[in-house]
Amino acid sequence: MVIKLTSEELDLFERLVQCEAGSEDMVGKILVANVIINRVNSSKFSNTVTGVITSPKQFSPVGSGAIYSAVPTQETKEAVQRAL
């Protein structure tokens, strides 16, 4: 299933992957991105990237606020695009 994202959703997605897997290699970043995609496609979670990422108690960078100051690297952005 193709996921269409607004620029704001893509930014949030990239920031989350940076927070969760910033120190990982490309494969690790793609794996984290796949978690989000799989949840969007699951009936057990929200059907939007923003809904999945901001669901309570799902991702610690959201709860801590770290996601809002994260700066995704070019590699992280590429990983998200590959996953999509």
PDB file of N, CA and C in Angstrom:
ATOM      1  N   MET A   1       0.834  -1.178   0.000  1.00  0.00           N
ATOM      2  CA  MET A   1       0.000   0.000   0.000  1.00  0.00           C
ATOM      3  C   MET A   1       0.886   1.250   0.000  1.00  0.00           C
ATOM      4  N   VAL A   2       0.591   2.155  -0.881  1.00  0.00           N
ATOM      5  CA  VAL A   2       1.343   3.399  -0.977  1.00  0.00           C
ATOM      6  C   VAL A   2       0.823   4.376   0.078  1.00  0.00           C
ATOM      7  N   ILE A   3       1.751   4.968   0.815  1.00  0.00           N
ATOM      8  CA  ILE A   3       1.386   5.943   1.834  1.00  0.00           C
ATOM      9  C   ILE A   3       1.703   7.324   1.291  1.00  0.00           C
ATOM     10  N   LYS A   4       0.690   8.166   1.235  1.00  0.00           N
ATOM     11  CA  LYS A   4       0.892   9.542   0.790  1.00  0.00           C
ATOM     12  C   LYS A   4       1.078  10.419   2.023  1.00  0.00           C
ATOM     13  N   LEU A   5       2.110  11.236   1.988  1.00  0.00           N
ATOM     14  CA  LEU A   5       2.446  12.075   3.130  1.00  0.00           C
ATOM     15  C   LEU A   5       2.444  13.549   2.753  1.00  0.00           C
ATOM     16  N   THR A   6       1.994  14.363   3.675  1.00  0.00           N
ATOM     17  CA  THR A   6       2.185  15.801   3.515  1.00  0.00           C
ATOM     18  C   THR A   6       3.641  16.092   3.861  1.00  0.00           C
ATOM     19  N   SER A   7       4.098  17.286   3.544  1.00  0.00           N
ATOM     20  CA  SER A   7       5.483  17.635   3.885  1.00  0.00           C
ATOM     21  C   SER A   7       5.687  17.626   5.397  1.00  0.00           C
ATOM     22  N   GLU A   8       4.657  17.994   6.150  1.00  0.00           N
ATOM     23  CA  GLU A   8       4.753  17.982   7.619  1.00  0.00           C
ATOM     24  C   GLU A   8       4.858  16.553   8.150  1.00  0.00           C
ATOM     25  N   GLU A   9       4.093  15.634   7.556  1.00  0.00           N
ATOM     26  CA  GLU A   9       4.164  14.236   7.986  1.00  0.00           C
ATOM     27  C   GLU A   9       5.526  13.635   7.653  1.00  0.00           C
ATOM     28  N   LEU A  10       6.031  13.946   6.471  1.00  0.00           N
ATOM     29  CA  LEU A  10       7.345  13.437   6.083  1.00  0.00           C
ATOM     30  C   LEU A  10       8.415  13.949   7.042  1.00  0.00           C
ATOM     31  N   ASP A  11       8.335  15.211   7.403  1.00  0.00           N
ATOM     32  CA  ASP A  11       9.283  15.796   8.352  1.00  0.00           C
ATOM     33  C   ASP A  11       9.212  15.078   9.700  1.00  0.00           C
ATOM     34  N   LEU A  12       8.009  14.840  10.194  1.00  0.00           N
ATOM     35  CA  LEU A  12       7.837  14.142  11.471  1.00  0.00           C
ATOM     36  C   LEU A  12       8.388  12.720  11.386  1.00  0.00           C
ATOM     37  N   PHE A  13       8.102  12.050  10.288  1.00  0.00           N
ATOM     38  CA  PHE A  13       8.582  10.685  10.045  1.00  0.00           C
ATOM     39  C   PHE A  13      10.116  10.659  10.077  1.00  0.00           C
ATOM     40  N   GLU A  14      10.742  11.564   9.342  1.00  0.00           N
ATOM     41  CA  GLU A  14      12.211  11.620   9.304  1.00  0.00           C
ATOM     42  C   GLU A  14      12.791  11.936  10.677  1.00  0.00           C
ATOM     43  N   ARG A  15      12.151  12.816  11.406  1.00  0.00           N
ATOM     44  CA  ARG A  15      12.633  13.160  12.746  1.00  0.00           C
ATOM     45  C   ARG A  15      12.552  11.951  13.688  1.00  0.00           C
ATOM     46  N   LEU A  16      11.467  11.192  13.585  1.00  0.00           N
ATOM     47  CA  LEU A  16      11.345  10.015  14.445  1.00  0.00           C
ATOM     48  C   LEU A  16      12.422   8.995  14.119  1.00  0.00           C
ATOM     49  N   VAL A  17      12.625   8.739  12.840  1.00  0.00           N
ATOM     50  CA  VAL A  17      13.660   7.770  12.454  1.00  0.00           C
ATOM     51  C   VAL A  17      15.027   8.256  12.924  1.00  0.00           C
ATOM     52  N   GLN A  18      15.293   9.539  12.817  1.00  0.00           N
ATOM     53  CA  GLN A  18      16.563  10.079  13.311  1.00  0.00           C
ATOM     54  C   GLN A  18      16.717   9.827  14.809  1.00  0.00           C
ATOM     55  N   CYS A  19      15.673  10.090  15.562  1.00  0.00           N
ATOM     56  CA  CYS A  19      15.734   9.895  17.020  1.00  0.00           C
ATOM     57  C   CYS A  19      15.904   8.427  17.390  1.00  0.00           C
ATOM     58  N   GLU A  20      15.159   7.574  16.722  1.00  0.00           N
ATOM     59  CA  GLU A  20      15.155   6.151  17.087  1.00  0.00           C
ATOM     60  C   GLU A  20      16.361   5.389  16.534  1.00  0.00           C
ATOM     61  N   ALA A  21      16.882   5.825  15.373  1.00  0.00           N
ATOM     62  CA  ALA A  21      17.934   5.034  14.722  1.00  0.00           C
ATOM     63  C   ALA A  21      19.047   5.890  14.147  1.00  0.00           C
ATOM     64  N   GLY A  22      19.238   7.085  14.667  1.00  0.00           N
ATOM     65  CA  GLY A  22      20.252   7.985  14.141  1.00  0.00           C
ATOM     66  C   GLY A  22      21.655   7.424  14.144  1.00  0.00           C
ATOM     67  N   SER A  23      21.955   6.553  15.089  1.00  0.00           N
ATOM     68  CA  SER A  23      23.295   5.976  15.162  1.00  0.00           C
ATOM     69  C   SER A  23      23.404   4.650  14.407  1.00  0.00           C
ATOM     70  N   GLU A  24      22.309   4.216  13.819  1.00  0.00           N
ATOM     71  CA  GLU A  24      22.293   2.955  13.059  1.00  0.00           C
ATOM     72  C   GLU A  24      22.726   3.185  11.620  1.00  0.00           C
ATOM     73  N   ASP A  25      23.015   2.088  10.913  1.00  0.00           N
ATOM     74  CA  ASP A  25      23.324   2.197   9.492  1.00  0.00           C
ATOM     75  C   ASP A  25      22.032   2.307   8.692  1.00  0.00           C
ATOM     76  N   MET A  26      22.146   2.334   7.388  1.00  0.00           N
ATOM     77  CA  MET A  26      20.985   2.490   6.517  1.00  0.00           C
ATOM     78  C   MET A  26      19.932   1.409   6.791  1.00  0.00           C
ATOM     79  N   VAL A  27      20.364   0.181   6.941  1.00  0.00           N
ATOM     80  CA  VAL A  27      19.428  -0.919   7.180  1.00  0.00           C
ATOM     81  C   VAL A  27      18.663  -0.700   8.478  1.00  0.00           C
ATOM     82  N   GLY A  28      19.346  -0.299   9.529  1.00  0.00           N
ATOM     83  CA  GLY A  28      18.685  -0.049  10.802  1.00  0.00           C
ATOM     84  C   GLY A  28      17.651   1.057  10.702  1.00  0.00           C
ATOM     85  N   LYS A  29      17.966   2.089   9.949  1.00  0.00           N
ATOM     86  CA  LYS A  29      17.026   3.199   9.768  1.00  0.00           C
ATOM     87  C   LYS A  29      15.812   2.757   8.956  1.00  0.00           C
ATOM     88  N   ILE A  30      16.048   1.966   7.923  1.00  0.00           N
ATOM     89  CA  ILE A  30      14.927   1.457   7.128  1.00  0.00           C
ATOM     90  C   ILE A  30      14.034   0.564   7.973  1.00  0.00           C
ATOM     91  N   LEU A  31      14.625  -0.225   8.835  1.00  0.00           N
ATOM     92  CA  LEU A  31      13.832  -1.100   9.705  1.00  0.00           C
ATOM     93  C   LEU A  31      12.925  -0.297  10.632  1.00  0.00           C
ATOM     94  N   VAL A  32      13.428   0.790  11.184  1.00  0.00           N
ATOM     95  CA  VAL A  32      12.600   1.644  12.038  1.00  0.00           C
ATOM     96  C   VAL A  32      11.478   2.275  11.211  1.00  0.00           C
ATOM     97  N   ALA A  33      11.812   2.745  10.015  1.00  0.00           N
ATOM     98  CA  ALA A  33      10.789   3.323   9.141  1.00  0.00           C
ATOM     99  C   ALA A  33       9.722   2.286   8.809  1.00  0.00           C
ATOM    100  N   ASN A  34      10.134   1.044   8.618  1.00  0.00           N
ATOM    101  CA  ASN A  34       9.169  -0.022   8.313  1.00  0.00           C
ATOM    102  C   ASN A  34       8.195  -0.269   9.458  1.00  0.00           C
ATOM    103  N   VAL A  35       8.644  -0.060  10.682  1.00  0.00           N
ATOM    104  CA  VAL A  35       7.735  -0.201  11.829  1.00  0.00           C
ATOM    105  C   VAL A  35       6.574   0.782  11.685  1.00  0.00           C
ATOM    106  N   ILE A  36       6.880   2.006  11.334  1.00  0.00           N
ATOM    107  CA  ILE A  36       5.836   3.022  11.161  1.00  0.00           C
ATOM    108  C   ILE A  36       4.904   2.628  10.027  1.00  0.00           C
ATOM    109  N   ILE A  37       5.470   2.238   8.898  1.00  0.00           N
ATOM    110  CA  ILE A  37       4.662   1.861   7.743  1.00  0.00           C
ATOM    111  C   ILE A  37       3.763   0.671   8.071  1.00  0.00           C
ATOM    112  N   ASN A  38       4.321  -0.324   8.734  1.00  0.00           N
ATOM    113  CA  ASN A  38       3.522  -1.492   9.097  1.00  0.00           C
ATOM    114  C   ASN A  38       2.366  -1.123  10.023  1.00  0.00           C
ATOM    115  N   ARG A  39       2.605  -0.208  10.932  1.00  0.00           N
ATOM    116  CA  ARG A  39       1.537   0.218  11.838  1.00  0.00           C
ATOM    117  C   ARG A  39       0.466   1.014  11.097  1.00  0.00           C
ATOM    118  N   VAL A  40       0.874   1.859  10.170  1.00  0.00           N
ATOM    119  CA  VAL A  40      -0.115   2.612   9.378  1.00  0.00           C
ATOM    120  C   VAL A  40      -1.012   1.633   8.613  1.00  0.00           C
ATOM    121  N   ASN A  41      -0.433   0.557   8.127  1.00  0.00           N
ATOM    122  CA  ASN A  41      -1.181  -0.429   7.349  1.00  0.00           C
ATOM    123  C   ASN A  41      -1.947  -1.434   8.200  1.00  0.00           C
ATOM    124  N   SER A  42      -1.769  -1.385   9.507  1.00  0.00           N
ATOM    125  CA  SER A  42      -2.454  -2.303  10.425  1.00  0.00           C
ATOM    126  C   SER A  42      -3.742  -1.677  10.949  1.00  0.00           C
ATOM    127  N   SER A  43      -4.746  -2.504  11.107  1.00  0.00           N
ATOM    128  CA  SER A  43      -6.016  -2.020  11.667  1.00  0.00           C
ATOM    129  C   SER A  43      -5.912  -1.784  13.176  1.00  0.00           C
ATOM    130  N   LYS A  44      -4.806  -2.165  13.785  1.00  0.00           N
ATOM    131  CA  LYS A  44      -4.630  -1.999  15.236  1.00  0.00           C
ATOM    132  C   LYS A  44      -4.089  -0.621  15.621  1.00  0.00           C
ATOM    133  N   PHE A  45      -3.692   0.169  14.606  1.00  0.00           N
ATOM    134  CA  PHE A  45      -3.113   1.484  14.851  1.00  0.00           C
ATOM    135  C   PHE A  45      -3.803   2.518  13.976  1.00  0.00           C
ATOM    136  N   SER A  46      -3.449   3.768  14.194  1.00  0.00           N
ATOM    137  CA  SER A  46      -3.956   4.847  13.353  1.00  0.00           C
ATOM    138  C   SER A  46      -3.552   4.588  11.900  1.00  0.00           C
ATOM    139  N   ASN A  47      -4.334   5.088  10.976  1.00  0.00           N
ATOM    140  CA  ASN A  47      -4.010   4.882   9.561  1.00  0.00           C
ATOM    141  C   ASN A  47      -3.239   6.058   8.961  1.00  0.00           C
ATOM    142  N   THR A  48      -2.654   6.894   9.826  1.00  0.00           N
ATOM    143  CA  THR A  48      -1.810   7.993   9.350  1.00  0.00           C
ATOM    144  C   THR A  48      -0.455   7.929  10.046  1.00  0.00           C
ATOM    145  N   VAL A  49       0.549   8.438   9.373  1.00  0.00           N
ATOM    146  CA  VAL A  49       1.894   8.476   9.952  1.00  0.00           C
ATOM    147  C   VAL A  49       1.896   9.311  11.229  1.00  0.00           C
ATOM    148  N   THR A  50       1.260  10.473  11.174  1.00  0.00           N
ATOM    149  CA  THR A  50       1.208  11.339  12.356  1.00  0.00           C
ATOM    150  C   THR A  50       0.494  10.644  13.506  1.00  0.00           C
ATOM    151  N   GLY A  51      -0.604   9.983  13.211  1.00  0.00           N
ATOM    152  CA  GLY A  51      -1.355   9.272  14.245  1.00  0.00           C
ATOM    153  C   GLY A  51      -0.543   8.167  14.897  1.00  0.00           C
ATOM    154  N   VAL A  52       0.192   7.423  14.091  1.00  0.00           N
ATOM    155  CA  VAL A  52       1.038   6.347  14.626  1.00  0.00           C
ATOM    156  C   VAL A  52       2.152   6.926  15.497  1.00  0.00           C
ATOM    157  N   ILE A  53       2.834   7.925  14.981  1.00  0.00           N
ATOM    158  CA  ILE A  53       3.984   8.482  15.697  1.00  0.00           C
ATOM    159  C   ILE A  53       3.580   9.152  17.002  1.00  0.00           C
ATOM    160  N   THR A  54       2.462   9.842  17.005  1.00  0.00           N
ATOM    161  CA  THR A  54       2.067  10.611  18.193  1.00  0.00           C
ATOM    162  C   THR A  54       1.139   9.854  19.133  1.00  0.00           C
ATOM    163  N   SER A  55       0.873   8.585  18.854  1.00  0.00           N
ATOM    164  CA  SER A  55       0.055   7.786  19.782  1.00  0.00           C
ATOM    165  C   SER A  55       0.746   7.726  21.139  1.00  0.00           C
ATOM    166  N   PRO A  56      -0.008   7.879  22.209  1.00  0.00           N
ATOM    167  CA  PRO A  56       0.593   7.873  23.547  1.00  0.00           C
ATOM    168  C   PRO A  56       1.414   6.613  23.827  1.00  0.00           C
ATOM    169  N   LYS A  57       2.567   6.821  24.413  1.00  0.00           N
ATOM    170  CA  LYS A  57       3.444   5.760  24.907  1.00  0.00           C
ATOM    171  C   LYS A  57       3.951   4.802  23.823  1.00  0.00           C
ATOM    172  N   GLN A  58       4.063   5.280  22.591  1.00  0.00           N
ATOM    173  CA  GLN A  58       4.574   4.433  21.514  1.00  0.00           C
ATOM    174  C   GLN A  58       6.054   4.681  21.241  1.00  0.00           C
ATOM    175  N   PHE A  59       6.446   5.941  21.197  1.00  0.00           N
ATOM    176  CA  PHE A  59       7.824   6.284  20.872  1.00  0.00           C
ATOM    177  C   PHE A  59       8.342   7.290  21.883  1.00  0.00           C
ATOM    178  N   SER A  60       9.399   6.927  22.577  1.00  0.00           N
ATOM    179  CA  SER A  60       9.913   7.786  23.646  1.00  0.00           C
ATOM    180  C   SER A  60      10.356   9.172  23.176  1.00  0.00           C
ATOM    181  N   PRO A  61      10.879   9.348  21.951  1.00  0.00           N
ATOM    182  CA  PRO A  61      11.245  10.709  21.537  1.00  0.00           C
ATOM    183  C   PRO A  61      10.054  11.671  21.465  1.00  0.00           C
ATOM    184  N   VAL A  62       8.864  11.138  21.283  1.00  0.00           N
ATOM    185  CA  VAL A  62       7.669  11.992  21.280  1.00  0.00           C
ATOM    186  C   VAL A  62       7.359  12.418  22.704  1.00  0.00           C
ATOM    187  N   GLY A  63       7.368  11.464  23.613  1.00  0.00           N
ATOM    188  CA  GLY A  63       7.082  11.766  25.012  1.00  0.00           C
ATOM    189  C   GLY A  63       8.086  12.712  25.639  1.00  0.00           C
ATOM    190  N   SER A  64       9.331  12.565  25.249  1.00  0.00           N
ATOM    191  CA  SER A  64      10.375  13.417  25.828  1.00  0.00           C
ATOM    192  C   SER A  64      10.490  14.767  25.117  1.00  0.00           C
ATOM    193  N   GLY A  65       9.913  14.860  23.925  1.00  0.00           N
ATOM    194  CA  GLY A  65      10.011  16.078  23.140  1.00  0.00           C
ATOM    195  C   GLY A  65      11.237  16.130  22.240  1.00  0.00           C
ATOM    196  N   ALA A  66      12.086  15.123  22.313  1.00  0.00           N
ATOM    197  CA  ALA A  66      13.315  15.112  21.513  1.00  0.00           C
ATOM    198  C   ALA A  66      13.033  15.154  20.010  1.00  0.00           C
ATOM    199  N   ILE A  67      11.912  14.609  19.611  1.00  0.00           N
ATOM    200  CA  ILE A  67      11.564  14.576  18.186  1.00  0.00           C
ATOM    201  C   ILE A  67      11.475  15.978  17.585  1.00  0.00           C
ATOM    202  N   TYR A  68      11.099  16.942  18.398  1.00  0.00           N
ATOM    203  CA  TYR A  68      10.872  18.288  17.888  1.00  0.00           C
ATOM    204  C   TYR A  68      12.151  19.089  17.674  1.00  0.00           C
ATOM    205  N   SER A  69      13.269  18.607  18.203  1.00  0.00           N
ATOM    206  CA  SER A  69      14.545  19.280  17.961  1.00  0.00           C
ATOM    207  C   SER A  69      15.493  18.428  17.109  1.00  0.00           C
ATOM    208  N   ALA A  70      15.036  17.253  16.703  1.00  0.00           N
ATOM    209  CA  ALA A  70      15.869  16.371  15.890  1.00  0.00           C
ATOM    210  C   ALA A  70      16.089  16.960  14.501  1.00  0.00           C
ATOM    211  N   VAL A  71      17.280  16.744  13.985  1.00  0.00           N
ATOM    212  CA  VAL A  71      17.616  17.194  12.635  1.00  0.00           C
ATOM    213  C   VAL A  71      18.015  15.957  11.829  1.00  0.00           C
ATOM    214  N   PRO A  72      17.144  15.501  10.951  1.00  0.00           N
ATOM    215  CA  PRO A  72      17.442  14.293  10.181  1.00  0.00           C
ATOM    216  C   PRO A  72      18.629  14.486   9.239  1.00  0.00           C
ATOM    217  N   THR A  73      19.481  13.499   9.182  1.00  0.00           N
ATOM    218  CA  THR A  73      20.605  13.513   8.249  1.00  0.00           C
ATOM    219  C   THR A  73      20.099  13.141   6.859  1.00  0.00           C
ATOM    220  N   GLN A  74      20.947  13.368   5.868  1.00  0.00           N
ATOM    221  CA  GLN A  74      20.580  12.978   4.501  1.00  0.00           C
ATOM    222  C   GLN A  74      20.377  11.467   4.427  1.00  0.00           C
ATOM    223  N   GLU A  75      21.192  10.702   5.158  1.00  0.00           N
ATOM    224  CA  GLU A  75      21.040   9.249   5.162  1.00  0.00           C
ATOM    225  C   GLU A  75      19.688   8.848   5.746  1.00  0.00           C
ATOM    226  N   THR A  76      19.256   9.513   6.796  1.00  0.00           N
ATOM    227  CA  THR A  76      17.957   9.212   7.392  1.00  0.00           C
ATOM    228  C   THR A  76      16.843   9.526   6.402  1.00  0.00           C
ATOM    229  N   LYS A  77      16.938  10.638   5.734  1.00  0.00           N
ATOM    230  CA  LYS A  77      15.921  11.009   4.737  1.00  0.00           C
ATOM    231  C   LYS A  77      15.864   9.976   3.618  1.00  0.00           C
ATOM    232  N   GLU A  78      17.033   9.504   3.188  1.00  0.00           N
ATOM    233  CA  GLU A  78      17.083   8.486   2.151  1.00  0.00           C
ATOM    234  C   GLU A  78      16.481   7.174   2.646  1.00  0.00           C
ATOM    235  N   ALA A  79      16.753   6.826   3.885  1.00  0.00           N
ATOM    236  CA  ALA A  79      16.197   5.593   4.453  1.00  0.00           C
ATOM    237  C   ALA A  79      14.677   5.635   4.476  1.00  0.00           C
ATOM    238  N   VAL A  80      14.132   6.765   4.863  1.00  0.00           N
ATOM    239  CA  VAL A  80      12.669   6.907   4.885  1.00  0.00           C
ATOM    240  C   VAL A  80      12.123   6.763   3.470  1.00  0.00           C
ATOM    241  N   GLN A  81      12.764   7.397   2.499  1.00  0.00           N
ATOM    242  CA  GLN A  81      12.302   7.286   1.110  1.00  0.00           C
ATOM    243  C   GLN A  81      12.387   5.856   0.605  1.00  0.00           C
ATOM    244  N   ARG A  82      13.443   5.164   0.944  1.00  0.00           N
ATOM    245  CA  ARG A  82      13.573   3.753   0.534  1.00  0.00           C
ATOM    246  C   ARG A  82      12.467   2.902   1.153  1.00  0.00           C
ATOM    247  N   ALA A  83      12.174   3.156   2.405  1.00  0.00           N
ATOM    248  CA  ALA A  83      11.123   2.393   3.087  1.00  0.00           C
ATOM    249  C   ALA A  83       9.760   2.660   2.461  1.00  0.00           C
ATOM    250  N   LEU A  84       9.531   3.899   2.116  1.00  0.00           N
ATOM    251  CA  LEU A  84       8.247   4.243   1.498  1.00  0.00           C
ATOM    252  C   LEU A  84       8.120   3.638   0.111  1.00  0.00           C
TER     253      LEU A  84
END
